Protein backbone atom coordinates (compact mmCIF):
# COMPACT_ATOMS: atom_id res chain seq x y z
CA UNK A 1 122.95 33.04 123.31
CA UNK A 2 124.56 36.43 124.01
CA UNK A 3 123.90 38.24 127.26
CA UNK A 4 125.52 41.62 127.86
CA UNK A 5 124.91 42.74 131.43
CA UNK A 6 125.61 46.30 132.61
CA UNK A 7 128.65 46.62 130.35
CA UNK A 8 130.82 49.67 131.01
CA UNK A 9 133.99 50.56 129.14
CA UNK A 10 136.15 53.68 129.50
CA UNK A 11 139.06 55.04 127.50
CA UNK A 12 140.74 57.28 130.04
CA UNK A 13 138.15 59.91 130.95
CA UNK A 14 135.87 59.01 128.06
CA UNK A 15 132.94 56.74 128.86
CA UNK A 16 132.58 54.76 125.64
CA UNK A 17 129.92 52.26 126.81
CA UNK A 18 127.69 53.21 129.72
CA UNK A 19 125.92 50.44 131.69
CA UNK A 20 124.64 48.67 128.56
CA UNK A 21 122.54 45.50 128.76
CA UNK A 22 121.31 43.41 125.82
CA UNK A 23 120.01 39.87 125.39
CA UNK A 24 120.24 38.09 122.02
CA UNK A 25 118.36 34.78 122.03
CA UNK A 26 118.85 31.75 119.77
CA UNK A 27 117.03 32.25 116.48
CA UNK A 28 117.35 36.04 116.52
CA UNK A 29 119.00 38.43 114.11
CA UNK A 30 119.70 41.43 116.33
CA UNK A 31 120.68 44.76 114.77
CA UNK A 32 122.81 47.34 116.57
CA UNK A 33 122.63 50.88 115.25
CA UNK A 34 123.86 54.30 116.23
CA UNK A 35 125.84 57.29 114.91
CA UNK A 36 129.59 57.23 114.44
CA UNK A 37 131.36 57.17 117.80
CA UNK A 38 128.28 55.91 119.66
CA UNK A 39 130.09 52.87 121.11
CA UNK A 40 128.95 50.11 118.73
CA UNK A 41 132.39 48.77 117.82
CA UNK A 42 133.62 49.04 121.41
CA UNK A 43 130.58 47.05 122.62
CA UNK A 44 131.16 44.40 119.97
CA UNK A 45 134.88 44.08 120.75
CA UNK A 46 134.11 43.69 124.44
CA UNK A 47 131.43 41.10 123.67
CA UNK A 48 133.79 38.88 121.65
CA UNK A 49 136.70 39.15 124.08
CA UNK A 50 139.00 41.51 122.17
CA UNK A 51 138.71 44.35 124.68
CA UNK A 52 138.62 44.12 128.44
CA UNK A 53 135.86 46.13 130.08
CA UNK A 54 135.68 48.06 133.34
CA UNK A 55 132.55 46.50 134.77
CA UNK A 56 129.62 44.31 133.87
CA UNK A 57 129.61 40.85 132.32
CA UNK A 58 129.23 39.15 128.95
CA UNK A 59 127.92 35.60 128.62
CA UNK A 60 127.99 33.53 125.42
CA UNK A 61 126.00 30.30 125.53
CA UNK A 62 125.84 30.81 129.32
CA UNK A 63 129.64 31.02 129.65
CA UNK A 64 131.54 34.13 130.75
CA UNK A 65 133.76 35.68 128.08
CA UNK A 66 136.02 36.97 130.86
CA UNK A 67 136.35 33.67 132.74
CA UNK A 68 136.01 31.13 129.90
CA UNK A 69 137.35 32.92 126.82
CA UNK A 70 138.48 29.79 124.98
CA UNK A 71 135.07 28.15 125.20
CA UNK A 72 133.31 31.36 124.16
CA UNK A 73 135.61 32.00 121.21
CA UNK A 74 135.13 28.39 120.12
CA UNK A 75 131.38 28.85 119.67
CA UNK A 76 131.37 32.30 118.10
CA UNK A 77 132.59 33.90 114.90
CA UNK A 78 133.51 37.57 114.60
CA UNK A 79 133.77 39.66 111.44
CA UNK A 80 135.24 43.14 112.06
CA UNK A 81 134.33 46.20 110.01
CA UNK A 82 137.69 46.02 108.21
CA UNK A 83 138.86 42.38 107.97
CA UNK A 84 142.53 42.29 108.96
CA UNK A 85 143.59 39.06 107.26
CA UNK A 86 147.02 37.48 106.81
CA UNK A 87 147.76 38.96 103.41
CA UNK A 88 150.86 36.86 102.76
CA UNK A 89 148.63 33.77 102.70
CA UNK A 90 146.51 32.64 99.78
CA UNK A 91 142.77 32.52 100.33
CA UNK A 92 142.72 28.73 100.59
CA UNK A 93 145.64 28.65 103.04
CA UNK A 94 143.86 31.15 105.24
CA UNK A 95 140.66 29.09 105.25
CA UNK A 96 142.61 25.94 106.05
CA UNK A 97 144.35 27.84 108.84
CA UNK A 98 140.94 28.72 110.30
CA UNK A 99 139.87 25.12 109.83
CA UNK A 100 142.91 23.94 111.78
CA UNK A 101 142.17 26.33 114.65
CA UNK A 102 138.64 25.00 115.00
CA UNK A 103 139.69 21.39 114.33
CA UNK A 104 137.35 20.89 111.41
CA UNK A 105 137.98 17.47 109.77
CA UNK A 106 139.62 17.85 106.33
CA UNK A 107 136.77 16.27 104.33
CA UNK A 108 134.09 18.34 106.06
CA UNK A 109 136.24 21.45 105.73
CA UNK A 110 136.79 21.09 102.00
CA UNK A 111 133.08 20.55 101.34
CA UNK A 112 132.17 23.69 103.26
CA UNK A 113 134.91 25.78 101.65
CA UNK A 114 133.93 24.64 98.16
CA UNK A 115 130.24 25.32 98.75
CA UNK A 116 130.74 28.77 100.29
CA UNK A 117 133.43 29.87 97.85
CA UNK A 118 131.20 28.87 94.93
CA UNK A 119 128.28 30.72 96.53
CA UNK A 120 130.30 33.95 96.71
CA UNK A 121 132.06 33.47 93.37
CA UNK A 122 135.46 33.32 95.04
CA UNK A 123 136.60 29.82 94.09
CA UNK A 124 138.90 30.86 91.25
CA UNK A 125 140.62 33.41 93.48
CA UNK A 126 141.41 31.16 96.45
CA UNK A 127 144.87 30.29 95.09
CA UNK A 128 145.81 33.99 94.91
CA UNK A 129 147.47 35.88 97.79
CA UNK A 130 145.04 37.82 99.94
CA UNK A 131 147.18 40.92 99.33
CA UNK A 132 145.81 40.93 95.77
CA UNK A 133 142.16 40.89 96.92
CA UNK A 134 139.85 43.89 96.77
CA UNK A 135 138.07 44.98 99.94
CA UNK A 136 134.93 43.16 98.82
CA UNK A 137 136.84 39.94 98.19
CA UNK A 138 138.43 40.15 101.65
CA UNK A 139 134.98 40.65 103.13
CA UNK A 140 133.71 37.55 101.32
CA UNK A 141 136.69 35.54 102.57
CA UNK A 142 136.02 36.71 106.13
CA UNK A 143 132.38 35.63 105.84
CA UNK A 144 133.41 32.18 104.57
CA UNK A 145 135.92 31.85 107.42
CA UNK A 146 133.23 32.79 109.93
CA UNK A 147 130.75 30.21 108.66
CA UNK A 148 132.95 27.13 108.14
CA UNK A 149 133.09 26.05 111.80
CA UNK A 150 129.30 26.30 112.33
CA UNK A 151 129.41 28.81 115.22
CA UNK A 152 126.44 29.21 117.51
CA UNK A 153 126.83 33.00 117.59
CA UNK A 154 128.02 35.24 114.75
CA UNK A 155 128.98 38.83 115.59
CA UNK A 156 129.58 41.26 112.73
CA UNK A 157 130.56 44.92 112.55
CA UNK A 158 129.20 46.57 109.37
CA UNK A 159 129.22 43.29 107.40
CA UNK A 160 127.70 44.70 104.20
CA UNK A 161 130.33 47.38 103.58
CA UNK A 162 132.25 46.53 100.41
CA UNK A 163 129.96 43.71 99.30
CA UNK A 164 128.34 43.88 95.87
CA UNK A 165 124.53 43.52 95.68
CA UNK A 166 124.62 39.81 94.89
CA UNK A 167 126.99 39.04 97.78
CA UNK A 168 124.89 41.20 100.13
CA UNK A 169 121.78 39.26 99.16
CA UNK A 170 123.62 35.97 99.68
CA UNK A 171 124.80 37.05 103.13
CA UNK A 172 121.28 38.05 104.16
CA UNK A 173 119.98 34.61 103.18
CA UNK A 174 122.82 32.94 105.10
CA UNK A 175 122.07 35.02 108.19
CA UNK A 176 118.42 34.02 108.15
CA UNK A 177 119.27 30.38 107.54
CA UNK A 178 121.77 30.39 110.42
CA UNK A 179 119.19 31.75 112.86
CA UNK A 180 116.39 29.52 111.60
CA UNK A 181 118.69 26.60 112.50
CA UNK A 182 118.96 27.85 116.10
CA UNK A 183 121.98 30.15 115.88
CA UNK A 184 122.05 33.86 116.71
CA UNK A 185 123.48 36.94 114.99
CA UNK A 186 124.41 40.31 116.47
CA UNK A 187 125.57 42.91 113.98
CA UNK A 188 126.03 46.64 113.63
CA UNK A 189 125.04 48.53 110.51
CA UNK A 190 124.43 52.00 109.16
CA UNK A 191 122.19 50.60 106.42
CA UNK A 192 118.88 51.08 108.19
CA UNK A 193 116.75 49.75 105.34
CA UNK A 194 118.60 46.42 105.58
CA UNK A 195 118.22 46.32 109.36
CA UNK A 196 114.50 47.03 109.13
CA UNK A 197 113.87 44.21 106.65
CA UNK A 198 116.26 41.67 108.14
CA UNK A 199 116.29 42.02 111.93
CA UNK A 200 114.00 40.42 114.47
CA UNK A 201 115.13 42.91 117.11
CA UNK A 202 117.17 46.09 117.13
CA UNK A 203 118.96 48.30 119.64
CA UNK A 204 119.85 51.97 119.25
CA UNK A 205 122.87 53.34 121.09
CA UNK A 206 123.93 56.96 121.50
CA UNK A 207 126.97 58.28 123.38
CA UNK A 208 127.51 54.85 124.90
CA UNK A 209 124.00 54.51 126.30
CA UNK A 210 121.21 52.28 125.10
CA UNK A 211 118.31 54.56 124.15
CA UNK A 212 115.84 52.06 122.70
CA UNK A 213 115.66 48.30 122.10
CA UNK A 214 113.14 45.59 121.34
CA UNK A 215 111.33 44.08 118.40
CA UNK A 216 111.37 46.10 115.20
CA UNK A 217 107.75 47.11 115.78
CA UNK A 218 108.48 48.22 119.35
CA UNK A 219 111.45 50.35 118.28
CA UNK A 220 110.04 52.03 115.18
CA UNK A 221 106.31 52.07 115.90
CA UNK A 222 104.37 53.27 112.85
CA UNK A 223 107.43 55.02 111.39
CA UNK A 224 110.28 53.58 109.37
CA UNK A 225 113.40 52.64 111.28
CA UNK A 226 115.19 55.57 109.64
CA UNK A 227 112.52 58.00 110.82
CA UNK A 228 112.59 56.56 114.35
CA UNK A 229 116.40 56.78 114.43
CA UNK A 230 116.45 60.40 113.19
CA UNK A 231 113.76 61.34 115.69
CA UNK A 232 115.84 59.95 118.56
CA UNK A 233 118.91 61.75 117.23
CA UNK A 234 117.03 65.04 117.20
CA UNK A 235 115.94 64.74 120.84
């Protein structure tokens, strides 16, 4: 579903991502972890077509993000670490705007919005301007917007930051359900306990280089994911 092949990205003299390759298959929740400044967000932004990269290739559903960006962006959803929404809009106008972009029929759209908004307890706030939302409410709105067009691939950068425990639990269930239905999820997180319980596979990046990847058992061995991560950091 997502193939990152020998991805390299520089900012001037700084090598932010160094020859990184990852493969996320349909049905997989794939965690992406590393310390601050390791290159996680840069990798994600390159993968979804926000940043150009210096070399390598990214394929989504077997289509190149560089050569076929419209197709790729039509089958993926991206949630950044700090959702930058149109704050002058109300929540419902924003969701309808997203629905228009992805050409979701009005009846289907309204059913999905109602179901997801009820699930996250956001229904009564949809008429309010997004500028009045807390960070957690904006995060919930971004999640709803990501899910309403049934993307094949969902890419998220620190999706649990700002969510209350109930919303975090709901999102975890939605992630598993999405992948059980044949979709794929690639997300970064600093919450290693969540990654260990939720992910099918995980990759650890440090200073732009991939240092370990594979199934959870392959990456952590007999240790916890936190212990394996700290051990790699100490090397």
